[in-house]
Amino acid sequence: MPVVITVKLLQDAMAEVINATGKVNFLIDGFPRSLENWNGYKEVFGITSDAQMPTMLFFECPLPVLEKRVLKRAKHSGRSDDNVESLRKRFNTFKDETMQIVNTFRDAGKCVEVDSSNER
């Protein structure tokens, strides 16, 4: 599905919520993941400057902490991809494909970084 179609669906869903509730703040998990996503978002929402950018929340966690968490989850999840090899592939894909957009938001001063490595 072309990104503009996806973003238009997102925009329509947001408009429904705004019309029904009056609420205008949204947390969109995992989007944008790429410059292509961001460019489609800008096109559909008419964003023309950094000042109009939404704020990104970026939850940073080092790979060793993620590995420990996934192995703990694997004891109960039953997921076939809850293993170190799959996690490392997902982590590397994330770094290769998504860090460029994170850096775009950082450079614009629109990235709030959260250290999610601490245990509770």
N, C-alpha and C. Protein backbone atom coordinates (compact mmCIF):
# COMPACT_ATOMS: atom_id res chain seq x y z
N MET A 1 0.85 -1.18 0.00
CA MET A 1 0.00 0.00 0.00
C MET A 1 0.90 1.24 0.00
N PRO A 2 0.72 2.11 -0.96
CA PRO A 2 1.54 3.33 -0.98
C PRO A 2 1.36 4.14 0.31
N VAL A 3 2.46 4.75 0.74
CA VAL A 3 2.47 5.44 2.02
C VAL A 3 1.44 6.56 2.09
N VAL A 4 1.18 7.25 1.01
CA VAL A 4 0.19 8.34 1.03
C VAL A 4 -1.20 7.79 1.36
N ILE A 5 -1.53 6.62 0.86
CA ILE A 5 -2.82 6.00 1.18
C ILE A 5 -2.88 5.66 2.66
N THR A 6 -1.80 5.08 3.19
CA THR A 6 -1.74 4.74 4.61
C THR A 6 -1.90 5.99 5.47
N VAL A 7 -1.20 7.04 5.11
CA VAL A 7 -1.27 8.28 5.89
C VAL A 7 -2.65 8.91 5.78
N LYS A 8 -3.26 8.84 4.63
CA LYS A 8 -4.62 9.38 4.47
C LYS A 8 -5.60 8.63 5.37
N LEU A 9 -5.46 7.32 5.47
CA LEU A 9 -6.30 6.53 6.38
C LEU A 9 -6.07 6.96 7.83
N LEU A 10 -4.81 7.20 8.17
CA LEU A 10 -4.46 7.68 9.50
C LEU A 10 -5.10 9.05 9.75
N GLN A 11 -4.99 9.94 8.79
CA GLN A 11 -5.57 11.28 8.91
C GLN A 11 -7.09 11.19 9.09
N ASP A 12 -7.74 10.33 8.33
CA ASP A 12 -9.19 10.18 8.44
C ASP A 12 -9.58 9.66 9.82
N ALA A 13 -8.84 8.69 10.33
CA ALA A 13 -9.13 8.15 11.66
C ALA A 13 -8.93 9.22 12.74
N MET A 14 -7.89 10.02 12.59
CA MET A 14 -7.64 11.09 13.55
C MET A 14 -8.77 12.13 13.50
N ALA A 15 -9.23 12.45 12.30
CA ALA A 15 -10.32 13.41 12.15
C ALA A 15 -11.59 12.91 12.82
N GLU A 16 -11.86 11.62 12.70
CA GLU A 16 -13.03 11.04 13.37
C GLU A 16 -12.94 11.21 14.88
N VAL A 17 -11.76 10.95 15.45
CA VAL A 17 -11.58 11.09 16.89
C VAL A 17 -11.73 12.55 17.30
N ILE A 18 -11.13 13.44 16.54
CA ILE A 18 -11.24 14.88 16.85
C ILE A 18 -12.70 15.31 16.82
N ASN A 19 -13.43 14.90 15.80
CA ASN A 19 -14.84 15.27 15.68
C ASN A 19 -15.69 14.68 16.80
N ALA A 20 -15.38 13.46 17.20
CA ALA A 20 -16.18 12.78 18.22
C ALA A 20 -15.85 13.23 19.64
N THR A 21 -14.58 13.57 19.88
CA THR A 21 -14.16 13.84 21.27
C THR A 21 -13.60 15.22 21.50
N GLY A 22 -13.16 15.87 20.43
CA GLY A 22 -12.50 17.16 20.57
C GLY A 22 -11.03 17.02 20.93
N LYS A 23 -10.57 15.81 21.14
CA LYS A 23 -9.16 15.59 21.50
C LYS A 23 -8.29 15.68 20.26
N VAL A 24 -7.17 16.40 20.38
CA VAL A 24 -6.32 16.65 19.21
C VAL A 24 -4.90 16.12 19.37
N ASN A 25 -4.61 15.46 20.46
CA ASN A 25 -3.27 14.90 20.66
C ASN A 25 -3.31 13.40 20.43
N PHE A 26 -2.33 12.89 19.70
CA PHE A 26 -2.29 11.48 19.34
C PHE A 26 -0.90 10.91 19.57
N LEU A 27 -0.85 9.65 19.97
CA LEU A 27 0.39 8.90 20.06
C LEU A 27 0.30 7.80 19.01
N ILE A 28 1.14 7.89 18.01
CA ILE A 28 1.14 6.93 16.91
C ILE A 28 2.38 6.06 17.07
N ASP A 29 2.17 4.83 17.44
CA ASP A 29 3.26 3.90 17.73
C ASP A 29 3.94 3.44 16.45
N GLY A 30 5.26 3.68 16.38
CA GLY A 30 6.05 3.14 15.28
C GLY A 30 5.92 3.87 13.96
N PHE A 31 5.51 5.11 14.00
CA PHE A 31 5.35 5.85 12.74
C PHE A 31 5.79 7.28 12.94
N PRO A 32 6.61 7.82 12.06
CA PRO A 32 7.13 7.24 10.84
C PRO A 32 8.35 6.37 11.12
N ARG A 33 8.53 5.34 10.32
CA ARG A 33 9.69 4.45 10.45
C ARG A 33 10.76 4.73 9.42
N SER A 34 10.44 5.57 8.47
CA SER A 34 11.39 5.84 7.38
C SER A 34 11.16 7.24 6.83
N LEU A 35 12.11 7.69 6.03
CA LEU A 35 11.92 8.98 5.36
C LEU A 35 10.74 8.93 4.40
N GLU A 36 10.52 7.78 3.77
CA GLU A 36 9.36 7.64 2.88
C GLU A 36 8.07 7.86 3.68
N ASN A 37 7.97 7.27 4.87
CA ASN A 37 6.80 7.49 5.72
C ASN A 37 6.65 8.96 6.08
N TRP A 38 7.75 9.58 6.47
CA TRP A 38 7.74 10.98 6.88
C TRP A 38 7.34 11.88 5.71
N ASN A 39 7.89 11.62 4.53
CA ASN A 39 7.54 12.43 3.37
C ASN A 39 6.06 12.30 3.01
N GLY A 40 5.53 11.09 3.13
CA GLY A 40 4.10 10.89 2.89
C GLY A 40 3.25 11.62 3.92
N TYR A 41 3.67 11.58 5.16
CA TYR A 41 2.97 12.28 6.24
C TYR A 41 2.95 13.78 5.97
N LYS A 42 4.13 14.32 5.62
CA LYS A 42 4.21 15.75 5.33
C LYS A 42 3.30 16.14 4.17
N GLU A 43 3.28 15.31 3.15
CA GLU A 43 2.45 15.60 1.98
C GLU A 43 0.97 15.64 2.35
N VAL A 44 0.51 14.62 3.06
CA VAL A 44 -0.91 14.53 3.39
C VAL A 44 -1.32 15.59 4.41
N PHE A 45 -0.48 15.83 5.41
CA PHE A 45 -0.83 16.78 6.47
C PHE A 45 -0.41 18.22 6.14
N GLY A 46 0.28 18.41 5.02
CA GLY A 46 0.65 19.75 4.60
C GLY A 46 1.73 20.40 5.45
N ILE A 47 2.65 19.61 5.94
CA ILE A 47 3.74 20.13 6.77
C ILE A 47 4.84 20.66 5.86
N THR A 48 5.20 21.92 6.08
CA THR A 48 6.19 22.55 5.21
C THR A 48 7.43 23.04 5.94
N SER A 49 7.43 22.95 7.28
CA SER A 49 8.62 23.41 8.02
C SER A 49 8.82 22.58 9.27
N ASP A 50 10.04 22.63 9.81
CA ASP A 50 10.35 21.90 11.04
C ASP A 50 9.46 22.35 12.20
N ALA A 51 9.05 23.62 12.18
CA ALA A 51 8.22 24.14 13.27
C ALA A 51 6.86 23.43 13.33
N GLN A 52 6.42 22.89 12.21
CA GLN A 52 5.13 22.21 12.17
C GLN A 52 5.23 20.71 12.45
N MET A 53 6.45 20.21 12.63
CA MET A 53 6.64 18.78 12.86
C MET A 53 6.02 18.36 14.19
N PRO A 54 5.45 17.15 14.22
CA PRO A 54 5.04 16.62 15.52
C PRO A 54 6.29 16.24 16.31
N THR A 55 6.11 15.91 17.55
CA THR A 55 7.24 15.47 18.39
C THR A 55 7.31 13.95 18.38
N MET A 56 8.52 13.44 18.27
CA MET A 56 8.76 12.00 18.29
C MET A 56 9.24 11.60 19.69
N LEU A 57 8.69 10.51 20.21
CA LEU A 57 9.23 9.88 21.41
C LEU A 57 10.11 8.73 20.94
N PHE A 58 11.36 8.73 21.37
CA PHE A 58 12.29 7.68 20.95
C PHE A 58 12.75 6.94 22.20
N PHE A 59 12.33 5.68 22.32
CA PHE A 59 12.68 4.86 23.46
C PHE A 59 13.94 4.08 23.12
N GLU A 60 15.06 4.51 23.70
CA GLU A 60 16.37 3.90 23.43
C GLU A 60 16.63 2.80 24.46
N CYS A 61 17.12 1.67 23.96
CA CYS A 61 17.48 0.56 24.83
C CYS A 61 18.63 -0.21 24.18
N PRO A 62 19.72 -0.41 24.91
CA PRO A 62 20.86 -1.14 24.33
C PRO A 62 20.52 -2.60 24.03
N LEU A 63 21.16 -3.13 23.01
CA LEU A 63 20.92 -4.50 22.59
C LEU A 63 21.06 -5.52 23.72
N PRO A 64 22.08 -5.47 24.58
CA PRO A 64 22.17 -6.48 25.64
C PRO A 64 20.96 -6.49 26.59
N VAL A 65 20.41 -5.33 26.86
CA VAL A 65 19.21 -5.27 27.72
C VAL A 65 18.02 -5.86 26.98
N LEU A 66 17.89 -5.55 25.70
CA LEU A 66 16.80 -6.13 24.91
C LEU A 66 16.91 -7.65 24.84
N GLU A 67 18.13 -8.14 24.66
CA GLU A 67 18.32 -9.59 24.60
C GLU A 67 17.85 -10.25 25.90
N LYS A 68 18.23 -9.67 27.01
CA LYS A 68 17.84 -10.22 28.32
C LYS A 68 16.31 -10.23 28.46
N ARG A 69 15.68 -9.16 28.03
CA ARG A 69 14.22 -9.06 28.15
C ARG A 69 13.51 -10.06 27.24
N VAL A 70 14.00 -10.20 26.02
CA VAL A 70 13.36 -11.13 25.09
C VAL A 70 13.52 -12.56 25.57
N LEU A 71 14.69 -12.90 26.08
CA LEU A 71 14.89 -14.26 26.58
C LEU A 71 13.99 -14.53 27.79
N LYS A 72 13.77 -13.54 28.60
CA LYS A 72 12.85 -13.69 29.73
C LYS A 72 11.42 -13.88 29.24
N ARG A 73 11.03 -13.06 28.25
CA ARG A 73 9.68 -13.17 27.68
C ARG A 73 9.50 -14.52 26.99
N ALA A 74 10.56 -15.04 26.38
CA ALA A 74 10.48 -16.29 25.62
C ALA A 74 10.05 -17.46 26.50
N LYS A 75 10.33 -17.38 27.78
CA LYS A 75 9.95 -18.46 28.69
C LYS A 75 8.44 -18.66 28.74
N HIS A 76 7.68 -17.61 28.39
CA HIS A 76 6.22 -17.67 28.54
C HIS A 76 5.45 -17.32 27.28
N SER A 77 6.10 -16.73 26.30
CA SER A 77 5.37 -16.17 25.16
C SER A 77 4.94 -17.21 24.13
N GLY A 78 5.76 -18.22 23.93
CA GLY A 78 5.46 -19.19 22.88
C GLY A 78 5.74 -18.67 21.48
N ARG A 79 6.33 -17.48 21.39
CA ARG A 79 6.64 -16.89 20.07
C ARG A 79 7.90 -17.53 19.51
N SER A 80 7.84 -17.91 18.25
CA SER A 80 9.00 -18.53 17.62
C SER A 80 10.12 -17.53 17.38
N ASP A 81 9.80 -16.24 17.36
CA ASP A 81 10.83 -15.23 17.11
C ASP A 81 11.41 -14.64 18.40
N ASP A 82 11.06 -15.19 19.53
CA ASP A 82 11.64 -14.74 20.80
C ASP A 82 12.95 -15.49 21.05
N ASN A 83 13.96 -15.11 20.28
CA ASN A 83 15.29 -15.68 20.44
C ASN A 83 16.31 -14.60 20.06
N VAL A 84 17.54 -14.80 20.47
CA VAL A 84 18.57 -13.78 20.27
C VAL A 84 18.83 -13.52 18.79
N GLU A 85 18.87 -14.56 17.98
CA GLU A 85 19.15 -14.38 16.55
C GLU A 85 18.08 -13.50 15.89
N SER A 86 16.81 -13.80 16.13
CA SER A 86 15.73 -12.99 15.54
C SER A 86 15.76 -11.57 16.07
N LEU A 87 16.01 -11.42 17.37
CA LEU A 87 16.07 -10.08 17.95
C LEU A 87 17.18 -9.26 17.31
N ARG A 88 18.36 -9.86 17.15
CA ARG A 88 19.47 -9.13 16.54
C ARG A 88 19.14 -8.70 15.11
N LYS A 89 18.46 -9.55 14.37
CA LYS A 89 18.05 -9.17 13.01
C LYS A 89 17.08 -8.00 13.05
N ARG A 90 16.09 -8.06 13.94
CA ARG A 90 15.12 -6.96 14.06
C ARG A 90 15.81 -5.68 14.50
N PHE A 91 16.73 -5.81 15.45
CA PHE A 91 17.46 -4.64 15.97
C PHE A 91 18.29 -3.99 14.86
N ASN A 92 19.00 -4.80 14.10
CA ASN A 92 19.83 -4.27 13.00
C ASN A 92 18.97 -3.66 11.90
N THR A 93 17.85 -4.27 11.60
CA THR A 93 16.93 -3.70 10.61
C THR A 93 16.43 -2.35 11.10
N PHE A 94 16.06 -2.28 12.38
CA PHE A 94 15.61 -1.01 12.96
C PHE A 94 16.69 0.06 12.82
N LYS A 95 17.91 -0.28 13.21
CA LYS A 95 19.00 0.70 13.14
C LYS A 95 19.24 1.15 11.71
N ASP A 96 19.23 0.19 10.77
CA ASP A 96 19.49 0.52 9.36
C ASP A 96 18.38 1.35 8.74
N GLU A 97 17.13 1.04 9.07
CA GLU A 97 16.01 1.67 8.38
C GLU A 97 15.39 2.84 9.12
N THR A 98 15.48 2.87 10.44
CA THR A 98 14.72 3.84 11.21
C THR A 98 15.57 4.95 11.81
N MET A 99 16.83 4.70 12.06
CA MET A 99 17.63 5.73 12.72
C MET A 99 17.75 7.01 11.88
N GLN A 100 17.65 6.89 10.57
CA GLN A 100 17.71 8.08 9.72
C GLN A 100 16.56 9.03 10.05
N ILE A 101 15.36 8.49 10.26
CA ILE A 101 14.22 9.35 10.57
C ILE A 101 14.33 9.87 12.01
N VAL A 102 14.85 9.05 12.92
CA VAL A 102 15.08 9.53 14.29
C VAL A 102 16.04 10.71 14.26
N ASN A 103 17.09 10.60 13.49
CA ASN A 103 18.06 11.70 13.39
C ASN A 103 17.45 12.94 12.74
N THR A 104 16.53 12.75 11.82
CA THR A 104 15.83 13.89 11.21
C THR A 104 15.06 14.66 12.28
N PHE A 105 14.36 13.93 13.14
CA PHE A 105 13.61 14.58 14.21
C PHE A 105 14.55 15.17 15.27
N ARG A 106 15.64 14.48 15.56
CA ARG A 106 16.64 15.02 16.50
C ARG A 106 17.17 16.36 16.00
N ASP A 107 17.58 16.37 14.74
CA ASP A 107 18.16 17.58 14.15
C ASP A 107 17.19 18.75 14.17
N ALA A 108 15.89 18.46 14.11
CA ALA A 108 14.88 19.52 14.13
C ALA A 108 14.48 19.90 15.56
N GLY A 109 15.08 19.22 16.55
CA GLY A 109 14.72 19.49 17.95
C GLY A 109 13.34 18.97 18.30
N LYS A 110 12.89 17.94 17.59
CA LYS A 110 11.54 17.39 17.79
C LYS A 110 11.57 15.93 18.24
N CYS A 111 12.67 15.53 18.89
CA CYS A 111 12.80 14.15 19.36
C CYS A 111 13.03 14.16 20.87
N VAL A 112 12.12 13.54 21.60
CA VAL A 112 12.28 13.37 23.04
C VAL A 112 12.79 11.95 23.25
N GLU A 113 13.98 11.85 23.83
CA GLU A 113 14.59 10.53 24.00
C GLU A 113 14.37 10.02 25.42
N VAL A 114 13.97 8.75 25.49
CA VAL A 114 13.67 8.12 26.77
C VAL A 114 14.59 6.90 26.92
N ASP A 115 15.33 6.86 28.01
CA ASP A 115 16.18 5.70 28.31
C ASP A 115 15.28 4.61 28.89
N SER A 116 15.04 3.57 28.12
CA SER A 116 14.15 2.51 28.57
C SER A 116 14.91 1.27 29.03
N SER A 117 16.18 1.47 29.37
CA SER A 117 17.00 0.32 29.78
C SER A 117 16.92 0.03 31.28
N ASN A 118 16.37 0.95 32.05
CA ASN A 118 16.32 0.75 33.51
C ASN A 118 15.30 -0.31 33.87
N GLU A 119 15.65 -1.11 34.86
CA GLU A 119 14.73 -2.12 35.39
C GLU A 119 13.78 -1.44 36.37
N ARG A 120 12.61 -1.97 36.50
CA ARG A 120 11.65 -1.45 37.49
C ARG A 120 11.55 -2.36 38.65
